[in-house]
Protein backbone atom coordinates (compact mmCIF):
# COMPACT_ATOMS: atom_id res chain seq x y z
CA UNK A 1 69.18 81.86 21.10
CA UNK A 2 71.27 80.29 24.18
CA UNK A 3 69.38 78.65 26.73
CA UNK A 4 70.43 81.75 29.05
CA UNK A 5 68.66 84.43 26.78
CA UNK A 6 65.48 82.16 26.72
CA UNK A 7 65.10 82.14 30.14
CA UNK A 8 65.81 85.62 30.58
CA UNK A 9 62.53 86.29 28.00
CA UNK A 10 60.67 84.12 29.76
CA UNK A 11 61.71 85.17 33.42
CA UNK A 12 60.41 88.80 31.86
CA UNK A 13 57.10 87.38 30.49
CA UNK A 14 56.30 85.38 33.69
CA UNK A 15 57.32 88.49 36.05
CA UNK A 16 55.10 90.78 33.79
CA UNK A 17 52.07 89.05 34.56
CA UNK A 18 52.87 88.27 37.90
CA UNK A 19 53.11 92.01 38.18
CA UNK A 20 49.72 92.81 36.16
CA UNK A 21 48.24 90.15 38.70
CA UNK A 22 48.66 92.01 41.83
CA UNK A 23 47.66 95.06 40.14
CA UNK A 24 44.34 94.27 39.52
CA UNK A 25 43.92 92.07 42.61
CA UNK A 26 45.00 95.53 44.77
CA UNK A 27 42.52 97.58 42.46
CA UNK A 28 39.96 94.84 43.30
CA UNK A 29 40.12 95.59 46.90
CA UNK A 30 40.32 98.92 46.70
CA UNK A 31 36.87 99.62 44.02
CA UNK A 32 35.15 96.50 44.75
CA UNK A 33 34.87 96.28 48.74
CA UNK A 34 32.20 94.56 50.09
CA UNK A 35 30.69 97.13 52.20
CA UNK A 36 28.13 98.55 50.95
CA UNK A 37 27.50 102.71 51.98
CA UNK A 38 24.70 105.09 52.53
CA UNK A 39 22.72 105.57 48.85
CA UNK A 40 23.51 108.87 47.34
CA UNK A 41 19.81 109.64 46.21
CA UNK A 42 16.51 107.53 47.04
CA UNK A 43 13.82 107.44 43.95
CA UNK A 44 10.31 107.94 45.23
CA UNK A 45 8.09 105.82 43.81
CA UNK A 46 4.55 106.22 43.18
CA UNK A 47 2.06 103.79 44.53
CA UNK A 48 1.22 101.39 40.92
CA UNK A 49 -2.13 100.10 42.95
CA UNK A 50 -5.95 101.58 41.94
CA UNK A 51 -6.72 104.21 44.23
CA UNK A 52 -10.00 103.47 45.61
CA UNK A 53 -11.62 106.43 44.75
CA UNK A 54 -9.85 106.51 41.21
CA UNK A 55 -12.90 107.99 39.10
CA UNK A 56 -13.56 105.13 36.10
CA UNK A 57 -15.59 107.24 33.02
CA UNK A 58 -17.89 105.14 31.48
CA UNK A 59 -16.79 104.19 27.60
CA UNK A 60 -20.12 105.97 26.47
CA UNK A 61 -18.44 109.46 27.63
CA UNK A 62 -15.25 108.81 26.01
CA UNK A 63 -16.67 107.77 22.85
CA UNK A 64 -19.08 111.09 23.04
CA UNK A 65 -15.51 112.99 23.28
CA UNK A 66 -14.17 110.84 20.55
CA UNK A 67 -12.74 112.55 17.42
CA UNK A 68 -13.82 110.61 14.00
CA UNK A 69 -10.99 112.02 11.90
CA UNK A 70 -8.56 110.85 14.00
CA UNK A 71 -10.32 107.59 13.79
CA UNK A 72 -9.86 107.55 9.66
CA UNK A 73 -6.19 107.73 10.52
CA UNK A 74 -6.40 104.95 12.93
CA UNK A 75 -8.01 102.88 10.01
CA UNK A 76 -5.31 102.12 8.31
CA UNK A 77 -4.33 99.55 10.34
CA UNK A 78 -7.69 98.45 9.62
CA UNK A 79 -7.42 99.16 5.65
CA UNK A 80 -5.37 96.26 4.76
CA UNK A 81 -7.81 93.70 5.37
CA UNK A 82 -10.92 95.89 5.57
CA UNK A 83 -13.12 98.06 3.42
CA UNK A 84 -15.28 100.65 4.01
CA UNK A 85 -17.37 100.87 1.02
CA UNK A 86 -20.54 98.86 0.89
CA UNK A 87 -20.41 95.21 -0.44
CA UNK A 88 -16.15 95.81 -1.09
CA UNK A 89 -14.95 92.06 0.51
CA UNK A 90 -10.66 91.99 0.88
CA UNK A 91 -9.08 89.47 3.02
CA UNK A 92 -11.80 90.50 5.83
CA UNK A 93 -15.76 91.82 5.46
CA UNK A 94 -16.54 95.62 4.74
CA UNK A 95 -17.13 97.74 8.07
CA UNK A 96 -19.73 99.97 6.40
CA UNK A 97 -22.43 99.82 8.74
CA UNK A 98 -20.71 97.93 11.06
CA UNK A 99 -21.94 100.12 14.09
CA UNK A 100 -25.38 98.22 15.02
CA UNK A 101 -25.00 95.39 12.86
CA UNK A 102 -26.17 92.12 13.37
CA UNK A 103 -22.50 90.13 14.04
CA UNK A 104 -21.69 87.90 11.38
CA UNK A 105 -24.22 88.84 8.94
CA UNK A 106 -22.04 89.85 5.84
CA UNK A 107 -21.60 87.69 3.03
CA UNK A 108 -18.36 86.49 3.97
CA UNK A 109 -16.20 83.41 4.71
CA UNK A 110 -15.93 83.95 8.61
CA UNK A 111 -14.28 81.32 10.57
CA UNK A 112 -16.53 79.22 12.74
CA UNK A 113 -16.07 80.91 16.05
CA UNK A 114 -17.20 84.21 13.95
CA UNK A 115 -19.69 83.08 12.77
CA UNK A 116 -21.49 81.40 15.54
CA UNK A 117 -20.80 84.46 18.04
CA UNK A 118 -24.24 86.28 17.05
CA UNK A 119 -25.51 89.18 18.79
CA UNK A 120 -25.38 92.91 17.64
CA UNK A 121 -22.33 94.96 17.06
CA UNK A 122 -22.91 97.46 19.36
CA UNK A 123 -20.79 100.37 20.41
CA UNK A 124 -19.77 98.57 23.45
CA UNK A 125 -19.13 95.07 22.24
CA UNK A 126 -16.79 97.00 19.33
CA UNK A 127 -14.98 98.23 21.90
CA UNK A 128 -14.14 95.26 23.98
CA UNK A 129 -13.71 93.48 20.41
CA UNK A 130 -10.81 96.03 19.58
CA UNK A 131 -9.41 95.53 22.61
CA UNK A 132 -7.84 92.26 21.64
CA UNK A 133 -10.13 89.97 19.03
CA UNK A 134 -8.74 86.87 20.05
CA UNK A 135 -9.82 87.13 23.57
CA UNK A 136 -13.39 88.45 22.33
CA UNK A 137 -13.92 85.71 19.79
CA UNK A 138 -11.22 82.96 21.06
CA UNK A 139 -10.32 80.63 17.45
CA UNK A 140 -10.82 83.52 14.83
CA UNK A 141 -8.63 83.93 11.96
CA UNK A 142 -8.58 87.47 12.73
CA UNK A 143 -4.65 88.31 13.48
CA UNK A 144 -5.09 91.87 14.67
CA UNK A 145 -3.13 92.45 17.94
CA UNK A 146 -6.00 94.83 18.89
CA UNK A 147 -5.96 98.60 20.58
CA UNK A 148 -4.95 98.76 24.27
CA UNK A 149 -5.30 102.57 24.10
CA UNK A 150 -8.96 103.12 25.11
CA UNK A 151 -9.30 106.90 23.21
CA UNK A 152 -8.03 104.72 19.81
CA UNK A 153 -10.76 102.43 20.15
CA UNK A 154 -13.11 105.51 20.84
CA UNK A 155 -11.98 107.61 17.82
CA UNK A 156 -12.29 104.31 15.57
CA UNK A 157 -15.50 103.27 16.94
CA UNK A 158 -16.68 107.02 15.93
CA UNK A 159 -15.32 107.01 12.73
CA UNK A 160 -16.96 103.18 11.75
CA UNK A 161 -20.27 104.92 13.08
CA UNK A 162 -20.23 107.82 10.28
CA UNK A 163 -19.97 104.64 7.72
CA UNK A 164 -24.07 104.71 7.07
């Protein structure tokens, strides 16, 4: 292969690259202009701020409509660490008779923050605790993330109330 043939090959490749570059520039100018046109459609977004006249349902009413059978299914999230039989201790204490029981009263090795909590496990306290246990009892060793849905908490508490 002589130098004339090498020059032709290099010139052909350079020419092809130049043509591709020009096509890319022309397409960019055609498809990607700086001008913005009118929107084809608009999306209506509901106001996310709570309405001042919004009805807040007390937890007692939500609990009154709760389903203990659904609560038993929700309890499956708790069953790895807690038992529902009286006196059976797993990773966590038995939840038998938990509703209206003294907090930290079960024969169990509670973490210091939980042992020092005091009080009674009322329905309202259980509701607050189940939202996020680590917020209700800072420093607790319980690693459960909580139940954000109020209906789930009500169903679970209704189920726990049947365990007397």
